[in-house]
Amino acid sequence: MRNIVLSLIALMACTALQAQNMEEPQVGEVLLMSSQDGNGFDHVHFPKLNFIMKRGGVGNWTNFRGTKVVVKEQYPDSEGSKFVVLERADGRKFFKLLPSVTASFNKALASGELKRI
C-alpha cells in the first residue's frame, strides 16, 4: 500500500513539473502572432504608430496576423513575469523598421496574442 501511495505522489510531482516547464518560454521556440482585434497588441510591445511613421516604417497591425516569430531571448522582470525578445521567423523586420520586439510572455499567451505551434 505504501509503495502505491509513493508511486502516485511521484507521478503527480512529475506531472506538475512537466506542466510548469510547458509554460516557460524556450529560446528558439516558434510562436504564432494573432491580434484579437484590429487595435493592435497589448502585451507585445510595439512603439506607437506615430513613431513608426516618423521613422519611415509602414504602420499596419493586420500584417501580423498569422506571422511566425522566434523567441531569441528570455528574461524575468522584477515582478517575476517572463519577458521574451521576438524576431520574425522569415527574417523580415516588423513594420520594415524593427528587427525585434519584446513581449510579456504569459500575458500574451493568455490573451491569445501569441500562440504556441
PDB file of N, CA and C in Angstrom:
ATOM      1  N   MET A   1       0.827  -1.201   0.000  1.00  0.00           N
ATOM      2  CA  MET A   1       0.000   0.000   0.000  1.00  0.00           C
ATOM      3  C   MET A   1       0.868   1.261   0.000  1.00  0.00           C
ATOM      4  N   ARG A   2       1.920   1.228   0.803  1.00  0.00           N
ATOM      5  CA  ARG A   2       2.810   2.381   0.895  1.00  0.00           C
ATOM      6  C   ARG A   2       3.489   2.653  -0.449  1.00  0.00           C
ATOM      7  N   ASN A   3       3.865   1.589  -1.162  1.00  0.00           N
ATOM      8  CA  ASN A   3       4.510   1.758  -2.465  1.00  0.00           C
ATOM      9  C   ASN A   3       3.572   2.409  -3.480  1.00  0.00           C
ATOM     10  N   ILE A   4       2.310   2.057  -3.407  1.00  0.00           N
ATOM     11  CA  ILE A   4       1.335   2.632  -4.331  1.00  0.00           C
ATOM     12  C   ILE A   4       1.172   4.125  -4.061  1.00  0.00           C
ATOM     13  N   VAL A   5       1.092   4.500  -2.793  1.00  0.00           N
ATOM     14  CA  VAL A   5       0.941   5.903  -2.426  1.00  0.00           C
ATOM     15  C   VAL A   5       2.174   6.696  -2.868  1.00  0.00           C
ATOM     16  N   LEU A   6       3.360   6.155  -2.621  1.00  0.00           N
ATOM     17  CA  LEU A   6       4.584   6.834  -3.032  1.00  0.00           C
ATOM     18  C   LEU A   6       4.674   6.953  -4.546  1.00  0.00           C
ATOM     19  N   SER A   7       4.231   5.931  -5.249  1.00  0.00           N
ATOM     20  CA  SER A   7       4.239   5.990  -6.711  1.00  0.00           C
ATOM     21  C   SER A   7       3.289   7.065  -7.230  1.00  0.00           C
ATOM     22  N   LEU A   8       2.119   7.165  -6.631  1.00  0.00           N
ATOM     23  CA  LEU A   8       1.161   8.197  -7.039  1.00  0.00           C
ATOM     24  C   LEU A   8       1.688   9.604  -6.755  1.00  0.00           C
ATOM     25  N   ILE A   9       2.330   9.781  -5.606  1.00  0.00           N
ATOM     26  CA  ILE A   9       2.904  11.086  -5.274  1.00  0.00           C
ATOM     27  C   ILE A   9       4.006  11.442  -6.267  1.00  0.00           C
ATOM     28  N   ALA A  10       4.859  10.489  -6.606  1.00  0.00           N
ATOM     29  CA  ALA A  10       5.927  10.744  -7.569  1.00  0.00           C
ATOM     30  C   ALA A  10       5.353  11.066  -8.945  1.00  0.00           C
ATOM     31  N   LEU A  11       4.312  10.369  -9.342  1.00  0.00           N
ATOM     32  CA  LEU A  11       3.674  10.630 -10.636  1.00  0.00           C
ATOM     33  C   LEU A  11       3.059  12.021 -10.688  1.00  0.00           C
ATOM     34  N   MET A  12       2.388  12.436  -9.621  1.00  0.00           N
ATOM     35  CA  MET A  12       1.792  13.768  -9.574  1.00  0.00           C
ATOM     36  C   MET A  12       2.866  14.849  -9.570  1.00  0.00           C
ATOM     37  N   ALA A  13       3.972  14.624  -8.890  1.00  0.00           N
ATOM     38  CA  ALA A  13       5.060  15.602  -8.860  1.00  0.00           C
ATOM     39  C   ALA A  13       5.684  15.755 -10.241  1.00  0.00           C
ATOM     40  N   CYS A  14       5.886  14.640 -10.938  1.00  0.00           N
ATOM     41  CA  CYS A  14       6.450  14.707 -12.294  1.00  0.00           C
ATOM     42  C   CYS A  14       5.512  15.427 -13.249  1.00  0.00           C
ATOM     43  N   THR A  15       4.226  15.178 -13.122  1.00  0.00           N
ATOM     44  CA  THR A  15       3.233  15.834 -13.972  1.00  0.00           C
ATOM     45  C   THR A  15       3.210  17.336 -13.708  1.00  0.00           C
ATOM     46  N   ALA A  16       3.288  17.729 -12.442  1.00  0.00           N
ATOM     47  CA  ALA A  16       3.290  19.154 -12.096  1.00  0.00           C
ATOM     48  C   ALA A  16       4.541  19.841 -12.630  1.00  0.00           C
ATOM     49  N   LEU A  17       5.686  19.203 -12.528  1.00  0.00           N
ATOM     50  CA  LEU A  17       6.920  19.783 -13.052  1.00  0.00           C
ATOM     51  C   LEU A  17       6.876  19.906 -14.567  1.00  0.00           C
ATOM     52  N   GLN A  18       6.319  18.911 -15.216  1.00  0.00           N
ATOM     53  CA  GLN A  18       6.227  18.939 -16.675  1.00  0.00           C
ATOM     54  C   GLN A  18       5.280  20.048 -17.121  1.00  0.00           C
ATOM     55  N   ALA A  19       4.179  20.252 -16.438  1.00  0.00           N
ATOM     56  CA  ALA A  19       3.236  21.316 -16.783  1.00  0.00           C
ATOM     57  C   ALA A  19       3.855  22.683 -16.554  1.00  0.00           C
ATOM     58  N   GLN A  20       4.664  22.820 -15.493  1.00  0.00           N
ATOM     59  CA  GLN A  20       5.316  24.088 -15.221  1.00  0.00           C
ATOM     60  C   GLN A  20       6.329  24.411 -16.310  1.00  0.00           C
ATOM     61  N   ASN A  21       7.067  23.428 -16.793  1.00  0.00           N
ATOM     62  CA  ASN A  21       8.044  23.657 -17.842  1.00  0.00           C
ATOM     63  C   ASN A  21       7.378  24.006 -19.168  1.00  0.00           C
ATOM     64  N   MET A  22       6.138  23.570 -19.380  1.00  0.00           N
ATOM     65  CA  MET A  22       5.439  23.890 -20.617  1.00  0.00           C
ATOM     66  C   MET A  22       5.119  25.383 -20.685  1.00  0.00           C
ATOM     67  N   GLU A  23       4.992  26.046 -19.529  1.00  0.00           N
ATOM     68  CA  GLU A  23       4.669  27.464 -19.506  1.00  0.00           C
ATOM     69  C   GLU A  23       5.912  28.325 -19.690  1.00  0.00           C
ATOM     70  N   GLU A  24       7.093  27.764 -19.539  1.00  0.00           N
ATOM     71  CA  GLU A  24       8.328  28.521 -19.692  1.00  0.00           C
ATOM     72  C   GLU A  24       8.644  28.705 -21.170  1.00  0.00           C
ATOM     73  N   PRO A  25       9.018  29.913 -21.573  1.00  0.00           N
ATOM     74  CA  PRO A  25       9.422  30.106 -22.969  1.00  0.00           C
ATOM     75  C   PRO A  25      10.791  29.491 -23.215  1.00  0.00           C
ATOM     76  N   GLN A  26      10.961  28.887 -24.352  1.00  0.00           N
ATOM     77  CA  GLN A  26      12.230  28.264 -24.721  1.00  0.00           C
ATOM     78  C   GLN A  26      12.866  29.079 -25.836  1.00  0.00           C
ATOM     79  N   VAL A  27      14.161  29.361 -25.710  1.00  0.00           N
ATOM     80  CA  VAL A  27      14.868  30.082 -26.758  1.00  0.00           C
ATOM     81  C   VAL A  27      14.848  29.217 -28.016  1.00  0.00           C
ATOM     82  N   GLY A  28      14.469  29.790 -29.128  1.00  0.00           N
ATOM     83  CA  GLY A  28      14.341  29.066 -30.384  1.00  0.00           C
ATOM     84  C   GLY A  28      12.941  28.558 -30.656  1.00  0.00           C
ATOM     85  N   GLU A  29      12.035  28.702 -29.705  1.00  0.00           N
ATOM     86  CA  GLU A  29      10.649  28.257 -29.876  1.00  0.00           C
ATOM     87  C   GLU A  29       9.943  29.153 -30.893  1.00  0.00           C
ATOM     88  N   VAL A  30       9.157  28.558 -31.752  1.00  0.00           N
ATOM     89  CA  VAL A  30       8.409  29.301 -32.767  1.00  0.00           C
ATOM     90  C   VAL A  30       6.985  29.508 -32.260  1.00  0.00           C
ATOM     91  N   LEU A  31       6.520  30.759 -32.311  1.00  0.00           N
ATOM     92  CA  LEU A  31       5.180  31.121 -31.875  1.00  0.00           C
ATOM     93  C   LEU A  31       4.443  31.781 -33.025  1.00  0.00           C
ATOM     94  N   LEU A  32       3.131  31.865 -32.908  1.00  0.00           N
ATOM     95  CA  LEU A  32       2.295  32.478 -33.926  1.00  0.00           C
ATOM     96  C   LEU A  32       1.661  33.731 -33.336  1.00  0.00           C
ATOM     97  N   MET A  33       1.799  34.868 -34.021  1.00  0.00           N
ATOM     98  CA  MET A  33       1.182  36.113 -33.570  1.00  0.00           C
ATOM     99  C   MET A  33      -0.245  36.169 -34.089  1.00  0.00           C
ATOM    100  N   SER A  34      -1.158  36.632 -33.223  1.00  0.00           N
ATOM    101  CA  SER A  34      -2.555  36.708 -33.614  1.00  0.00           C
ATOM    102  C   SER A  34      -3.226  37.812 -32.818  1.00  0.00           C
ATOM    103  N   SER A  35      -3.501  38.943 -33.443  1.00  0.00           N
ATOM    104  CA  SER A  35      -4.189  40.048 -32.780  1.00  0.00           C
ATOM    105  C   SER A  35      -5.673  39.711 -32.677  1.00  0.00           C
ATOM    106  N   GLN A  36      -6.236  39.893 -31.499  1.00  0.00           N
ATOM    107  CA  GLN A  36      -7.644  39.568 -31.289  1.00  0.00           C
ATOM    108  C   GLN A  36      -8.582  40.610 -31.890  1.00  0.00           C
ATOM    109  N   ASP A  37      -8.111  41.853 -31.990  1.00  0.00           N
ATOM    110  CA  ASP A  37      -8.926  42.903 -32.596  1.00  0.00           C
ATOM    111  C   ASP A  37      -8.031  43.741 -33.502  1.00  0.00           C
ATOM    112  N   GLY A  38      -8.585  44.682 -34.169  1.00  0.00           N
ATOM    113  CA  GLY A  38      -7.815  45.492 -35.096  1.00  0.00           C
ATOM    114  C   GLY A  38      -7.039  46.623 -34.449  1.00  0.00           C
ATOM    115  N   ASN A  39      -7.098  46.728 -33.118  1.00  0.00           N
ATOM    116  CA  ASN A  39      -6.457  47.841 -32.426  1.00  0.00           C
ATOM    117  C   ASN A  39      -5.028  47.560 -32.012  1.00  0.00           C
ATOM    118  N   GLY A  40      -4.455  46.491 -32.443  1.00  0.00           N
ATOM    119  CA  GLY A  40      -3.061  46.210 -32.116  1.00  0.00           C
ATOM    120  C   GLY A  40      -2.907  45.193 -31.012  1.00  0.00           C
ATOM    121  N   PHE A  41      -1.774  45.260 -30.377  1.00  0.00           N
ATOM    122  CA  PHE A  41      -1.389  44.292 -29.370  1.00  0.00           C
ATOM    123  C   PHE A  41      -1.196  44.997 -28.034  1.00  0.00           C
ATOM    124  N   ASP A  42      -1.634  44.365 -26.961  1.00  0.00           N
ATOM    125  CA  ASP A  42      -1.456  44.935 -25.626  1.00  0.00           C
ATOM    126  C   ASP A  42      -0.211  44.398 -24.929  1.00  0.00           C
ATOM    127  N   HIS A  43       0.137  43.143 -25.162  1.00  0.00           N
ATOM    128  CA  HIS A  43       1.221  42.513 -24.416  1.00  0.00           C
ATOM    129  C   HIS A  43       2.468  42.275 -25.254  1.00  0.00           C
ATOM    130  N   VAL A  44       2.380  42.494 -26.547  1.00  0.00           N
ATOM    131  CA  VAL A  44       3.560  42.541 -27.412  1.00  0.00           C
ATOM    132  C   VAL A  44       3.876  44.022 -27.554  1.00  0.00           C
ATOM    133  N   HIS A  45       5.064  44.412 -27.146  1.00  0.00           N
ATOM    134  CA  HIS A  45       5.384  45.825 -27.003  1.00  0.00           C
ATOM    135  C   HIS A  45       5.959  46.418 -28.286  1.00  0.00           C
ATOM    136  N   PHE A  46       5.087  47.061 -29.038  1.00  0.00           N
ATOM    137  CA  PHE A  46       5.470  47.811 -30.232  1.00  0.00           C
ATOM    138  C   PHE A  46       5.479  49.292 -29.877  1.00  0.00           C
ATOM    139  N   PRO A  47       6.290  50.102 -30.576  1.00  0.00           N
ATOM    140  CA  PRO A  47       6.176  51.546 -30.382  1.00  0.00           C
ATOM    141  C   PRO A  47       4.848  52.053 -30.950  1.00  0.00           C
ATOM    142  N   LYS A  48       4.500  53.263 -30.596  1.00  0.00           N
ATOM    143  CA  LYS A  48       3.261  53.852 -31.112  1.00  0.00           C
ATOM    144  C   LYS A  48       3.385  54.047 -32.618  1.00  0.00           C
ATOM    145  N   LEU A  49       2.241  54.009 -33.287  1.00  0.00           N
ATOM    146  CA  LEU A  49       2.230  54.108 -34.748  1.00  0.00           C
ATOM    147  C   LEU A  49       2.802  55.429 -35.262  1.00  0.00           C
ATOM    148  N   ASN A  50       2.612  56.532 -34.513  1.00  0.00           N
ATOM    149  CA  ASN A  50       3.163  57.801 -34.994  1.00  0.00           C
ATOM    150  C   ASN A  50       4.697  57.760 -34.995  1.00  0.00           C
ATOM    151  N   PHE A  51       5.304  57.081 -34.051  1.00  0.00           N
ATOM    152  CA  PHE A  51       6.762  56.923 -34.031  1.00  0.00           C
ATOM    153  C   PHE A  51       7.233  56.088 -35.219  1.00  0.00           C
ATOM    154  N   ILE A  52       6.495  55.037 -35.513  1.00  0.00           N
ATOM    155  CA  ILE A  52       6.852  54.170 -36.641  1.00  0.00           C
ATOM    156  C   ILE A  52       6.763  54.939 -37.948  1.00  0.00           C
ATOM    157  N   MET A  53       5.706  55.736 -38.118  1.00  0.00           N
ATOM    158  CA  MET A  53       5.523  56.507 -39.344  1.00  0.00           C
ATOM    159  C   MET A  53       6.616  57.569 -39.498  1.00  0.00           C
ATOM    160  N   LYS A  54       7.002  58.230 -38.394  1.00  0.00           N
ATOM    161  CA  LYS A  54       8.050  59.254 -38.449  1.00  0.00           C
ATOM    162  C   LYS A  54       9.403  58.661 -38.852  1.00  0.00           C
ATOM    163  N   ARG A  55       9.635  57.421 -38.466  1.00  0.00           N
ATOM    164  CA  ARG A  55      10.905  56.767 -38.789  1.00  0.00           C
ATOM    165  C   ARG A  55      10.890  56.106 -40.159  1.00  0.00           C
ATOM    166  N   GLY A  56       9.798  56.218 -40.876  1.00  0.00           N
ATOM    167  CA  GLY A  56       9.727  55.687 -42.228  1.00  0.00           C
ATOM    168  C   GLY A  56       9.178  54.281 -42.323  1.00  0.00           C
ATOM    169  N   GLY A  57       8.636  53.773 -41.239  1.00  0.00           N
ATOM    170  CA  GLY A  57       8.057  52.433 -41.268  1.00  0.00           C
ATOM    171  C   GLY A  57       6.637  52.448 -41.797  1.00  0.00           C
ATOM    172  N   VAL A  58       6.126  51.270 -42.025  1.00  0.00           N
ATOM    173  CA  VAL A  58       4.760  51.106 -42.513  1.00  0.00           C
ATOM    174  C   VAL A  58       3.925  50.600 -41.351  1.00  0.00           C
ATOM    175  N   GLY A  59       2.945  51.385 -40.897  1.00  0.00           N
ATOM    176  CA  GLY A  59       2.159  51.031 -39.722  1.00  0.00           C
ATOM    177  C   GLY A  59       0.849  50.367 -40.066  1.00  0.00           C
ATOM    178  N   ASN A  60       0.756  49.058 -39.823  1.00  0.00           N
ATOM    179  CA  ASN A  60      -0.477  48.327 -40.073  1.00  0.00           C
ATOM    180  C   ASN A  60      -0.480  47.087 -39.189  1.00  0.00           C
ATOM    181  N   TRP A  61      -1.411  47.029 -38.221  1.00  0.00           N
ATOM    182  CA  TRP A  61      -1.458  45.902 -37.284  1.00  0.00           C
ATOM    183  C   TRP A  61      -1.904  44.605 -37.952  1.00  0.00           C
ATOM    184  N   THR A  62      -2.710  44.700 -38.972  1.00  0.00           N
ATOM    185  CA  THR A  62      -3.261  43.488 -39.568  1.00  0.00           C
ATOM    186  C   THR A  62      -2.205  42.661 -40.298  1.00  0.00           C
ATOM    187  N   ASN A  63      -1.050  43.243 -40.586  1.00  0.00           N
ATOM    188  CA  ASN A  63       0.021  42.483 -41.245  1.00  0.00           C
ATOM    189  C   ASN A  63       0.564  41.361 -40.381  1.00  0.00           C
ATOM    190  N   PHE A  64       0.347  41.406 -39.075  1.00  0.00           N
ATOM    191  CA  PHE A  64       0.963  40.443 -38.176  1.00  0.00           C
ATOM    192  C   PHE A  64       0.075  39.251 -37.840  1.00  0.00           C
ATOM    193  N   ARG A  65      -1.143  39.218 -38.312  1.00  0.00           N
ATOM    194  CA  ARG A  65      -1.975  38.036 -38.065  1.00  0.00           C
ATOM    195  C   ARG A  65      -1.384  36.852 -38.801  1.00  0.00           C
ATOM    196  N   GLY A  66      -1.081  35.814 -38.049  1.00  0.00           N
ATOM    197  CA  GLY A  66      -0.513  34.604 -38.638  1.00  0.00           C
ATOM    198  C   GLY A  66       0.985  34.654 -38.856  1.00  0.00           C
ATOM    199  N   THR A  67       1.661  35.685 -38.363  1.00  0.00           N
ATOM    200  CA  THR A  67       3.113  35.789 -38.518  1.00  0.00           C
ATOM    201  C   THR A  67       3.803  34.889 -37.515  1.00  0.00           C
ATOM    202  N   LYS A  68       4.743  34.105 -37.978  1.00  0.00           N
ATOM    203  CA  LYS A  68       5.529  33.256 -37.091  1.00  0.00           C
ATOM    204  C   LYS A  68       6.713  34.051 -36.559  1.00  0.00           C
ATOM    205  N   VAL A  69       6.931  33.948 -35.237  1.00  0.00           N
ATOM    206  CA  VAL A  69       8.044  34.623 -34.590  1.00  0.00           C
ATOM    207  C   VAL A  69       8.853  33.613 -33.798  1.00  0.00           C
ATOM    208  N   VAL A  70      10.128  33.928 -33.586  1.00  0.00           N
ATOM    209  CA  VAL A  70      11.044  33.048 -32.870  1.00  0.00           C
ATOM    210  C   VAL A  70      11.481  33.738 -31.588  1.00  0.00           C
ATOM    211  N   VAL A  71      11.497  33.002 -30.481  1.00  0.00           N
ATOM    212  CA  VAL A  71      11.988  33.528 -29.206  1.00  0.00           C
ATOM    213  C   VAL A  71      13.512  33.530 -29.267  1.00  0.00           C
ATOM    214  N   LYS A  72      14.114  34.720 -29.189  1.00  0.00           N
ATOM    215  CA  LYS A  72      15.565  34.849 -29.253  1.00  0.00           C
ATOM    216  C   LYS A  72      16.196  34.962 -27.882  1.00  0.00           C
ATOM    217  N   GLU A  73      15.434  35.454 -26.907  1.00  0.00           N
ATOM    218  CA  GLU A  73      15.965  35.662 -25.562  1.00  0.00           C
ATOM    219  C   GLU A  73      14.795  35.702 -24.595  1.00  0.00           C
ATOM    220  N   GLN A  74      15.047  35.317 -23.352  1.00  0.00           N
ATOM    221  CA  GLN A  74      14.032  35.436 -22.310  1.00  0.00           C
ATOM    222  C   GLN A  74      14.682  36.009 -21.068  1.00  0.00           C
ATOM    223  N   TYR A  75      13.907  36.767 -20.300  1.00  0.00           N
ATOM    224  CA  TYR A  75      14.412  37.320 -19.050  1.00  0.00           C
ATOM    225  C   TYR A  75      13.234  37.634 -18.138  1.00  0.00           C
ATOM    226  N   PRO A  76      13.446  37.551 -16.824  1.00  0.00           N
ATOM    227  CA  PRO A  76      12.366  37.879 -15.884  1.00  0.00           C
ATOM    228  C   PRO A  76      12.369  39.371 -15.568  1.00  0.00           C
ATOM    229  N   ASP A  77      11.201  39.887 -15.188  1.00  0.00           N
ATOM    230  CA  ASP A  77      11.156  41.267 -14.704  1.00  0.00           C
ATOM    231  C   ASP A  77      11.117  41.240 -13.181  1.00  0.00           C
ATOM    232  N   SER A  78      10.988  42.389 -12.558  1.00  0.00           N
ATOM    233  CA  SER A  78      11.028  42.474 -11.101  1.00  0.00           C
ATOM    234  C   SER A  78       9.831  41.804 -10.433  1.00  0.00           C
ATOM    235  N   GLU A  79       8.734  41.633 -11.151  1.00  0.00           N
ATOM    236  CA  GLU A  79       7.531  41.005 -10.597  1.00  0.00           C
ATOM    237  C   GLU A  79       7.517  39.497 -10.798  1.00  0.00           C
ATOM    238  N   GLY A  80       8.503  38.949 -11.484  1.00  0.00           N
ATOM    239  CA  GLY A  80       8.567  37.515 -11.714  1.00  0.00           C
ATOM    240  C   GLY A  80       7.964  37.068 -13.026  1.00  0.00           C
ATOM    241  N   SER A  81       7.409  37.986 -13.802  1.00  0.00           N
ATOM    242  CA  SER A  81       6.874  37.634 -15.113  1.00  0.00           C
ATOM    243  C   SER A  81       8.012  37.363 -16.080  1.00  0.00           C
ATOM    244  N   LYS A  82       7.726  36.649 -17.131  1.00  0.00           N
ATOM    245  CA  LYS A  82       8.728  36.357 -18.159  1.00  0.00           C
ATOM    246  C   LYS A  82       8.534  37.292 -19.336  1.00  0.00           C
ATOM    247  N   PHE A  83       9.607  37.909 -19.754  1.00  0.00           N
ATOM    248  CA  PHE A  83       9.615  38.702 -20.972  1.00  0.00           C
ATOM    249  C   PHE A  83      10.452  37.975 -22.000  1.00  0.00           C
ATOM    250  N   VAL A  84      10.069  38.094 -23.263  1.00  0.00           N
ATOM    251  CA  VAL A  84      10.803  37.454 -24.346  1.00  0.00           C
ATOM    252  C   VAL A  84      11.108  38.484 -25.429  1.00  0.00           C
ATOM    253  N   VAL A  85      12.224  38.271 -26.112  1.00  0.00           N
ATOM    254  CA  VAL A  85      12.580  39.058 -27.280  1.00  0.00           C
ATOM    255  C   VAL A  85      12.203  38.223 -28.494  1.00  0.00           C
ATOM    256  N   LEU A  86      11.394  38.793 -29.381  1.00  0.00           N
ATOM    257  CA  LEU A  86      10.875  38.070 -30.538  1.00  0.00           C
ATOM    258  C   LEU A  86      11.429  38.645 -31.830  1.00  0.00           C
ATOM    259  N   GLU A  87      11.763  37.772 -32.761  1.00  0.00           N
ATOM    260  CA  GLU A  87      12.145  38.153 -34.117  1.00  0.00           C
ATOM    261  C   GLU A  87      11.269  37.374 -35.080  1.00  0.00           C
ATOM    262  N   ARG A  88      11.021  37.949 -36.234  1.00  0.00           N
ATOM    263  CA  ARG A  88      10.213  37.252 -37.225  1.00  0.00           C
ATOM    264  C   ARG A  88      10.955  36.037 -37.752  1.00  0.00           C
ATOM    265  N   ALA A  89      10.245  34.949 -37.970  1.00  0.00           N
ATOM    266  CA  ALA A  89      10.857  33.714 -38.452  1.00  0.00           C
ATOM    267  C   ALA A  89      11.323  33.842 -39.895  1.00  0.00           C
ATOM    268  N   ASP A  90      10.692  34.715 -40.669  1.00  0.00           N
ATOM    269  CA  ASP A  90      11.082  34.877 -42.073  1.00  0.00           C
ATOM    270  C   ASP A  90      12.251  35.844 -42.253  1.00  0.00           C
ATOM    271  N   GLY A  91      12.767  36.428 -41.162  1.00  0.00           N
ATOM    272  CA  GLY A  91      13.926  37.300 -41.230  1.00  0.00           C
ATOM    273  C   GLY A  91      13.615  38.750 -41.557  1.00  0.00           C
ATOM    274  N   ARG A  92      12.366  39.067 -41.873  1.00  0.00           N
ATOM    275  CA  ARG A  92      11.998  40.448 -42.180  1.00  0.00           C
ATOM    276  C   ARG A  92      11.874  41.249 -40.890  1.00  0.00           C
ATOM    277  N   LYS A  93      11.750  42.556 -40.999  1.00  0.00           N
ATOM    278  CA  LYS A  93      11.614  43.431 -39.842  1.00  0.00           C
ATOM    279  C   LYS A  93      10.140  43.751 -39.602  1.00  0.00           C
ATOM    280  N   PHE A  94       9.807  44.033 -38.343  1.00  0.00           N
ATOM    281  CA  PHE A  94       8.471  44.486 -38.000  1.00  0.00           C
ATOM    282  C   PHE A  94       8.305  45.907 -38.507  1.00  0.00           C
ATOM    283  N   PHE A  95       7.222  46.181 -39.229  1.00  0.00           N
ATOM    284  CA  PHE A  95       6.922  47.489 -39.801  1.00  0.00           C
ATOM    285  C   PHE A  95       8.034  47.979 -40.737  1.00  0.00           C
ATOM    286  N   LYS A  96       8.843  47.077 -41.274  1.00  0.00           N
ATOM    287  CA  LYS A  96      10.003  47.403 -42.111  1.00  0.00           C
ATOM    288  C   LYS A  96      11.004  48.284 -41.376  1.00  0.00           C
ATOM    289  N   LEU A  97      11.013  48.181 -40.023  1.00  0.00           N
ATOM    290  CA  LEU A  97      11.809  49.082 -39.205  1.00  0.00           C
ATOM    291  C   LEU A  97      12.490  48.383 -38.036  1.00  0.00           C
ATOM    292  N   LEU A  98      11.761  47.548 -37.298  1.00  0.00           N
ATOM    293  CA  LEU A  98      12.255  46.957 -36.055  1.00  0.00           C
ATOM    294  C   LEU A  98      12.715  45.517 -36.269  1.00  0.00           C
ATOM    295  N   PRO A  99      13.969  45.209 -35.933  1.00  0.00           N
ATOM    296  CA  PRO A  99      14.417  43.827 -36.080  1.00  0.00           C
ATOM    297  C   PRO A  99      13.831  42.887 -35.025  1.00  0.00           C
ATOM    298  N   SER A 100      13.495  43.431 -33.840  1.00  0.00           N
ATOM    299  CA  SER A 100      12.932  42.599 -32.787  1.00  0.00           C
ATOM    300  C   SER A 100      12.010  43.426 -31.903  1.00  0.00           C
ATOM    301  N   VAL A 101      11.139  42.738 -31.174  1.00  0.00           N
ATOM    302  CA  VAL A 101      10.235  43.367 -30.212  1.00  0.00           C
ATOM    303  C   VAL A 101      10.230  42.526 -28.949  1.00  0.00           C
ATOM    304  N   THR A 102       9.762  43.098 -27.855  1.00  0.00           N
ATOM    305  CA  THR A 102       9.628  42.354 -26.612  1.00  0.00           C
ATOM    306  C   THR A 102       8.155  42.081 -26.344  1.00  0.00           C
ATOM    307  N   ALA A 103       7.912  41.087 -25.504  1.00  0.00           N
ATOM    308  CA  ALA A 103       6.536  40.743 -25.140  1.00  0.00           C
ATOM    309  C   ALA A 103       6.510  40.176 -23.733  1.00  0.00           C
ATOM    310  N   SER A 104       5.434  40.432 -23.035  1.00  0.00           N
ATOM    311  CA  SER A 104       5.176  39.788 -21.754  1.00  0.00           C
ATOM    312  C   SER A 104       4.609  38.409 -22.082  1.00  0.00           C
ATOM    313  N   PHE A 105       5.411  37.378 -21.889  1.00  0.00           N
ATOM    314  CA  PHE A 105       5.111  36.059 -22.431  1.00  0.00           C
ATOM    315  C   PHE A 105       3.807  35.476 -21.902  1.00  0.00           C
ATOM    316  N   ASN A 106       3.651  35.380 -20.594  1.00  0.00           N
ATOM    317  CA  ASN A 106       2.462  34.731 -20.027  1.00  0.00           C
ATOM    318  C   ASN A 106       1.183  35.504 -20.350  1.00  0.00           C
ATOM    319  N   LYS A 107       1.256  36.833 -20.293  1.00  0.00           N
ATOM    320  CA  LYS A 107       0.063  37.640 -20.592  1.00  0.00           C
ATOM    321  C   LYS A 107      -0.308  37.542 -22.066  1.00  0.00           C
ATOM    322  N   ALA A 108       0.689  37.525 -22.939  1.00  0.00           N
ATOM    323  CA  ALA A 108       0.412  37.423 -24.375  1.00  0.00           C
ATOM    324  C   ALA A 108      -0.185  36.056 -24.719  1.00  0.00           C
ATOM    325  N   LEU A 109       0.299  34.999 -24.069  1.00  0.00           N
ATOM    326  CA  LEU A 109      -0.288  33.670 -24.294  1.00  0.00           C
ATOM    327  C   LEU A 109      -1.730  33.620 -23.794  1.00  0.00           C
ATOM    328  N   ALA A 110      -1.958  34.169 -22.605  1.00  0.00           N
ATOM    329  CA  ALA A 110      -3.294  34.120 -22.014  1.00  0.00           C
ATOM    330  C   ALA A 110      -4.305  34.919 -22.838  1.00  0.00           C
ATOM    331  N   SER A 111      -3.874  36.038 -23.416  1.00  0.00           N
ATOM    332  CA  SER A 111      -4.797  36.869 -24.190  1.00  0.00           C
ATOM    333  C   SER A 111      -4.967  36.390 -25.627  1.00  0.00           C
ATOM    334  N   GLY A 112      -4.118  35.475 -26.071  1.00  0.00           N
ATOM    335  CA  GLY A 112      -4.230  34.965 -27.428  1.00  0.00           C
ATOM    336  C   GLY A 112      -3.400  35.738 -28.439  1.00  0.00           C
ATOM    337  N   GLU A 113      -2.611  36.715 -27.974  1.00  0.00           N
ATOM    338  CA  GLU A 113      -1.769  37.466 -28.902  1.00  0.00           C
ATOM    339  C   GLU A 113      -0.615  36.616 -29.433  1.00  0.00           C
ATOM    340  N   LEU A 114      -0.149  35.687 -28.622  1.00  0.00           N
ATOM    341  CA  LEU A 114       0.858  34.704 -29.049  1.00  0.00           C
ATOM    342  C   LEU A 114       0.267  33.330 -28.831  1.00  0.00           C
ATOM    343  N   LYS A 115       0.531  32.433 -29.769  1.00  0.00           N
ATOM    344  CA  LYS A 115       0.062  31.055 -29.644  1.00  0.00           C
ATOM    345  C   LYS A 115       1.205  30.119 -29.923  1.00  0.00           C
ATOM    346  N   ARG A 116       1.245  29.044 -29.163  1.00  0.00           N
ATOM    347  CA  ARG A 116       2.250  28.014 -29.418  1.00  0.00           C
ATOM    348  C   ARG A 116       1.826  27.170 -30.611  1.00  0.00           C
ATOM    349  N   ILE A 117       2.803  26.811 -31.424  1.00  0.00           N
ATOM    350  CA  ILE A 117       2.530  25.998 -32.603  1.00  0.00           C
ATOM    351  C   ILE A 117       2.759  24.544 -32.258  1.00  0.00           C
TER     352      ILE A 117
END
